[in-house]
Amino acid sequence: FQPWIERLEASPEWEAFAQTKADDVAAAATAVKDSAQTLAFSEDQQQTLSKVRQHLQTEGITMMAVRSSSPEEDLEGASFAGIYETVLGVTGEGLEAAIKTCFASALDERVVAYKQKHGYDPFDPKIAVVIQKHIASEVSGVAFSLNPVNNCYDECVINANFGLGETVVDGAITPDRSVVNKVTSVILEKTPGQKDVVTYLKAYGGIERKAPESPSECCLSDDQVLAVTALTTEVEAEYGKPMDIEWAYEGEQLYLLQARPITT
């Protein structure tokens, strides 16, 4: 994306952004963000995108999650998670627009404000975009390889909801909560949440939110709780530090979607 960044840096919107006083920088970034949405793909970028499309076709992938990924994201001293854009349920026709949306989120006023607060240069956008197969998950959520409530390193905490994990991450619902002793593989707590909303992947692109059929029912079986615990423990061992993961069940298959160090 360096050509896009250079084009933005040469624009009048960027000049105004760079000259804005510290207190007004976040708002001024919005004009640059809007300008970023109008950028055209260069020949090199089109060639890269063509290779991506060929890979997706070869793998039979028709539905994608297009996600922002910054080299500054998920660091141990700061977490940018949740302030960059992700576009879910993307079809081949919507791929270019989704990439632009994710790129432009590097200039979102939330990102600029967060950078200022944590000592990062707000005038140095760094962004990549990850294109992944979108898992049509029936149950999903997050898991922590230590208990963030009592700081117990022997306990894994799992938050879950039916459907996609978006409702768990964005706080739209109170998820099911399970606490497991990682050493003994004993489930210490399994509390159903208040799951009023579920997000599902639509067959022809996009996502939809609706009411669940059984909101008071725990969405993970005991065996699945232990399987997510084992996955979380494996990730923690791989990185050698406490980790926060995103996971999903599609049918009987458990997927690891993302892993990041716990920053608090």
Protein backbone atom coordinates (compact mmCIF):
# COMPACT_ATOMS: atom_id res chain seq x y z
CA PHE A 1 0.00 0.00 0.00
CA GLN A 2 3.02 2.31 -0.07
CA PRO A 3 1.92 3.88 -3.42
CA TRP A 4 -1.45 4.75 -1.88
CA ILE A 5 0.19 6.23 1.21
CA GLU A 6 2.52 8.35 -0.97
CA ARG A 7 -0.46 9.57 -3.01
CA LEU A 8 -2.29 10.56 0.16
CA GLU A 9 0.76 12.32 1.58
CA ALA A 10 0.85 14.50 -1.56
CA SER A 11 -2.81 15.50 -1.24
CA PRO A 12 -4.21 18.79 0.15
CA GLU A 13 -6.21 16.75 2.67
CA TRP A 14 -2.98 15.33 4.07
CA GLU A 15 -1.36 18.78 4.22
CA ALA A 16 -4.27 20.05 6.29
CA PHE A 17 -4.12 16.90 8.45
CA ALA A 18 -0.38 17.31 9.11
CA GLN A 19 -0.74 20.99 10.05
CA THR A 20 -3.65 20.49 12.42
CA LYS A 21 -3.10 21.13 16.12
CA ALA A 22 -2.83 18.07 18.33
CA ASP A 23 -6.33 18.39 19.79
CA ASP A 24 -7.94 18.45 16.33
CA VAL A 25 -5.80 15.84 14.54
CA ALA A 26 -8.33 13.02 14.93
CA ALA A 27 -11.13 14.96 13.27
CA ALA A 28 -8.87 16.16 10.44
CA ALA A 29 -7.95 12.54 9.68
CA THR A 30 -11.53 11.90 8.52
CA ALA A 31 -10.98 13.96 5.34
CA VAL A 32 -7.88 11.91 4.52
CA LYS A 33 -9.78 8.71 5.23
CA ASP A 34 -12.54 9.74 2.82
CA SER A 35 -9.92 10.52 0.18
CA ALA A 36 -8.38 7.08 0.65
CA GLN A 37 -11.66 5.45 -0.36
CA THR A 38 -11.35 7.00 -3.84
CA LEU A 39 -7.87 5.66 -4.66
CA ALA A 40 -7.55 3.43 -7.75
CA PHE A 41 -5.62 0.16 -7.74
CA SER A 42 -2.25 0.45 -9.48
CA GLU A 43 -1.15 -2.07 -12.11
CA ASP A 44 1.05 -3.86 -9.54
CA GLN A 45 -1.81 -3.98 -7.05
CA GLN A 46 -4.15 -5.34 -9.73
CA GLN A 47 -1.64 -8.09 -10.49
CA THR A 48 -1.44 -9.00 -6.81
CA LEU A 49 -5.22 -9.02 -6.55
CA SER A 50 -5.42 -11.24 -9.65
CA LYS A 51 -3.14 -13.79 -7.95
CA VAL A 52 -5.33 -13.65 -4.86
CA ARG A 53 -8.44 -14.30 -6.95
CA GLN A 54 -6.75 -17.25 -8.68
CA HIS A 55 -5.86 -18.76 -5.31
CA LEU A 56 -9.40 -18.30 -4.00
CA GLN A 57 -10.79 -19.98 -7.12
CA THR A 58 -8.33 -22.88 -6.84
CA GLU A 59 -9.27 -23.42 -3.21
CA GLY A 60 -12.98 -23.09 -3.92
CA ILE A 61 -13.33 -20.10 -1.57
CA THR A 62 -16.34 -17.95 -2.41
CA MET A 63 -16.86 -16.09 0.87
CA MET A 64 -14.16 -14.08 2.59
CA ALA A 65 -13.35 -12.11 5.70
CA VAL A 66 -11.24 -9.09 4.75
CA ARG A 67 -9.32 -7.85 7.77
CA SER A 68 -7.01 -4.96 8.56
CA SER A 69 -3.63 -5.96 9.95
CA SER A 70 -1.16 -3.36 11.12
CA PRO A 71 2.43 -4.11 12.20
CA GLU A 72 1.62 -1.95 15.24
CA GLU A 73 -1.41 -4.07 16.10
CA ASP A 74 -1.48 -6.61 18.93
CA LEU A 75 1.81 -5.51 20.45
CA GLU A 76 2.50 -6.38 24.08
CA GLY A 77 2.41 -2.75 25.15
CA ALA A 78 -0.68 -1.76 23.19
CA SER A 79 -3.53 -3.41 21.36
CA PHE A 80 -5.17 -1.76 18.36
CA ALA A 81 -7.69 -4.60 18.18
CA GLY A 82 -11.19 -3.50 17.31
CA ILE A 83 -10.36 -0.05 15.94
CA TYR A 84 -9.25 -1.12 12.47
CA GLU A 85 -11.99 -2.28 10.08
CA THR A 86 -12.98 -5.84 9.22
CA VAL A 87 -15.45 -6.61 6.43
CA LEU A 88 -17.30 -9.91 6.76
CA GLY A 89 -19.13 -12.02 4.20
CA VAL A 90 -17.25 -10.57 1.23
CA THR A 91 -17.87 -12.05 -2.22
CA GLY A 92 -15.54 -11.74 -5.20
CA GLU A 93 -17.48 -8.74 -6.50
CA GLY A 94 -17.01 -6.83 -3.26
CA LEU A 95 -13.34 -7.61 -2.72
CA GLU A 96 -11.85 -4.34 -4.00
CA ALA A 97 -14.25 -2.18 -1.97
CA ALA A 98 -13.55 -4.23 1.17
CA ILE A 99 -9.78 -3.79 0.72
CA LYS A 100 -10.23 -0.01 0.39
CA THR A 101 -12.36 0.07 3.54
CA CYS A 102 -9.69 -1.78 5.52
CA PHE A 103 -6.87 0.37 4.14
CA ALA A 104 -8.72 3.59 4.93
CA SER A 105 -9.26 2.48 8.53
CA ALA A 106 -5.55 3.16 9.16
CA LEU A 107 -6.60 6.81 9.10
CA ASP A 108 -9.70 6.47 11.25
CA GLU A 109 -9.92 9.08 13.98
CA ARG A 110 -10.04 6.28 16.58
CA VAL A 111 -6.69 4.95 15.34
CA VAL A 112 -5.15 8.43 15.25
CA ALA A 113 -6.36 9.22 18.78
CA TYR A 114 -5.10 5.86 20.08
CA LYS A 115 -1.69 6.42 18.47
CA GLN A 116 -1.39 9.86 20.05
CA LYS A 117 -2.29 8.50 23.47
CA HIS A 118 0.26 5.66 23.30
CA GLY A 119 3.18 7.53 21.75
CA TYR A 120 2.91 6.34 18.14
CA ASP A 121 3.30 8.72 15.19
CA PRO A 122 -0.23 9.49 13.90
CA PHE A 123 1.25 10.70 10.59
CA ASP A 124 2.86 7.33 9.81
CA PRO A 125 0.07 4.95 8.75
CA LYS A 126 1.07 1.30 8.58
CA ILE A 127 -1.45 -1.15 7.21
CA ALA A 128 -1.79 -4.50 5.47
CA VAL A 129 -4.93 -6.41 4.54
CA VAL A 130 -5.54 -10.10 5.19
CA ILE A 131 -7.99 -11.97 2.98
CA GLN A 132 -9.21 -15.18 4.59
CA LYS A 133 -11.80 -17.83 3.94
CA HIS A 134 -14.84 -16.85 5.99
CA ILE A 135 -15.84 -19.65 8.34
CA ALA A 136 -19.63 -20.04 8.52
CA SER A 137 -19.38 -20.66 12.24
CA GLU A 138 -22.24 -22.10 14.26
CA VAL A 139 -20.54 -21.27 17.56
CA SER A 140 -17.58 -18.96 18.12
CA GLY A 141 -15.91 -16.63 20.57
CA VAL A 142 -12.71 -15.75 22.38
CA ALA A 143 -10.56 -17.50 24.96
CA PHE A 144 -7.87 -16.33 27.38
CA SER A 145 -5.04 -18.59 28.47
CA LEU A 146 -5.16 -17.03 31.94
CA ASN A 147 -8.11 -15.82 33.97
CA PRO A 148 -8.19 -12.01 33.51
CA VAL A 149 -10.42 -11.62 36.58
CA ASN A 150 -8.13 -13.20 39.20
CA ASN A 151 -4.92 -13.39 37.11
CA CYS A 152 -4.72 -17.16 37.64
CA TYR A 153 -2.31 -18.66 35.12
CA ASP A 154 -3.76 -22.17 35.58
CA GLU A 155 -7.22 -21.16 34.34
CA CYS A 156 -8.55 -20.71 30.82
CA VAL A 157 -11.59 -18.45 30.33
CA ILE A 158 -13.86 -18.94 27.30
CA ASN A 159 -16.57 -16.54 26.09
CA ALA A 160 -18.94 -17.89 23.44
CA ASN A 161 -22.10 -17.23 21.43
CA PHE A 162 -23.95 -18.92 18.60
CA GLY A 163 -23.01 -17.83 15.08
CA LEU A 164 -20.10 -15.53 14.26
CA GLY A 165 -17.85 -14.15 16.99
CA GLU A 166 -18.61 -10.52 16.17
CA THR A 167 -21.26 -10.26 18.90
CA VAL A 168 -18.78 -11.50 21.51
CA VAL A 169 -16.01 -9.13 20.43
CA ASP A 170 -18.15 -6.01 20.07
CA GLY A 171 -20.01 -6.51 23.38
CA ALA A 172 -23.46 -6.79 21.76
CA ILE A 173 -24.40 -9.64 24.11
CA THR A 174 -23.38 -11.19 27.41
CA PRO A 175 -21.67 -14.40 26.23
CA ASP A 176 -21.61 -17.83 27.81
CA ARG A 177 -18.63 -18.01 30.16
CA SER A 178 -16.62 -21.11 30.97
CA VAL A 179 -13.64 -21.36 33.30
CA VAL A 180 -11.40 -24.40 33.02
CA ASN A 181 -8.41 -25.57 35.05
CA LYS A 182 -5.82 -26.10 32.30
CA VAL A 183 -3.69 -28.39 34.46
CA THR A 184 -6.42 -30.85 35.45
CA SER A 185 -8.82 -30.26 32.49
CA VAL A 186 -11.68 -29.74 34.95
CA ILE A 187 -14.48 -27.32 34.10
CA LEU A 188 -14.75 -25.03 37.13
CA GLU A 189 -17.59 -22.84 35.87
CA LYS A 190 -20.05 -22.89 32.98
CA THR A 191 -22.47 -19.97 33.03
CA PRO A 192 -24.98 -19.26 30.24
CA GLY A 193 -25.04 -15.65 29.06
CA GLN A 194 -27.73 -13.32 27.85
CA LYS A 195 -27.49 -14.08 24.14
CA ASP A 196 -30.25 -11.92 22.62
CA VAL A 197 -28.59 -11.49 19.23
CA VAL A 198 -26.75 -13.86 16.90
CA THR A 199 -24.82 -12.96 13.74
CA TYR A 200 -24.78 -15.41 10.85
CA LEU A 201 -23.05 -15.48 7.48
CA LYS A 202 -25.55 -15.05 4.63
CA ALA A 203 -25.38 -17.55 1.77
CA TYR A 204 -24.89 -14.89 -0.93
CA GLY A 205 -22.66 -12.46 0.94
CA GLY A 206 -22.85 -10.20 3.96
CA ILE A 207 -24.02 -10.98 7.45
CA GLU A 208 -27.32 -10.79 9.29
CA ARG A 209 -28.30 -10.47 12.93
CA LYS A 210 -31.30 -12.23 14.39
CA ALA A 211 -32.64 -13.63 17.63
CA PRO A 212 -31.30 -17.08 18.63
CA GLU A 213 -33.60 -20.07 18.89
CA SER A 214 -32.38 -21.04 22.38
CA PRO A 215 -30.78 -17.96 24.01
CA SER A 216 -30.54 -19.51 27.48
CA GLU A 217 -28.89 -22.72 26.28
CA CYS A 218 -25.10 -23.00 26.56
CA CYS A 219 -23.72 -23.06 23.03
CA LEU A 220 -20.70 -25.29 23.79
CA SER A 221 -20.81 -28.88 25.04
CA ASP A 222 -18.39 -29.89 27.79
CA ASP A 223 -16.23 -31.69 25.23
CA GLN A 224 -16.09 -28.56 23.09
CA VAL A 225 -15.17 -26.42 26.10
CA LEU A 226 -12.25 -28.74 26.79
CA ALA A 227 -11.24 -28.74 23.11
CA VAL A 228 -11.12 -24.92 23.05
CA THR A 229 -9.10 -25.03 26.29
CA ALA A 230 -6.61 -27.46 24.73
CA LEU A 231 -6.27 -25.21 21.66
CA THR A 232 -5.72 -22.13 23.84
CA THR A 233 -3.10 -23.96 25.91
CA GLU A 234 -1.33 -25.09 22.74
CA VAL A 235 -1.19 -21.52 21.43
CA GLU A 236 0.14 -20.27 24.78
CA ALA A 237 2.89 -22.92 24.71
CA GLU A 238 3.81 -21.94 21.14
CA TYR A 239 4.23 -18.26 22.03
CA GLY A 240 5.55 -18.76 25.55
CA LYS A 241 3.26 -16.14 27.07
CA PRO A 242 -0.41 -15.60 28.01
CA MET A 243 -2.54 -15.38 24.87
CA ASP A 244 -5.97 -14.22 23.78
CA ILE A 245 -7.42 -16.20 20.86
CA GLU A 246 -10.45 -16.10 18.57
CA TRP A 247 -11.91 -19.49 17.65
CA ALA A 248 -14.90 -20.90 15.77
CA TYR A 249 -16.77 -24.17 15.28
CA GLU A 250 -18.10 -24.94 11.83
CA GLY A 251 -19.89 -28.24 12.25
CA GLU A 252 -17.60 -30.45 14.29
CA GLN A 253 -14.42 -28.68 13.13
CA LEU A 254 -12.70 -26.25 15.52
CA TYR A 255 -10.76 -23.42 13.87
CA LEU A 256 -8.18 -21.04 15.30
CA LEU A 257 -8.90 -17.65 13.73
CA GLN A 258 -6.49 -15.32 15.51
CA ALA A 259 -4.04 -15.15 18.40
CA ARG A 260 -2.57 -12.14 20.18
CA PRO A 261 -0.67 -11.54 23.44
CA ILE A 262 -2.79 -10.48 26.40
CA THR A 263 -1.89 -6.81 26.91
CA THR A 264 -3.44 -6.08 30.32
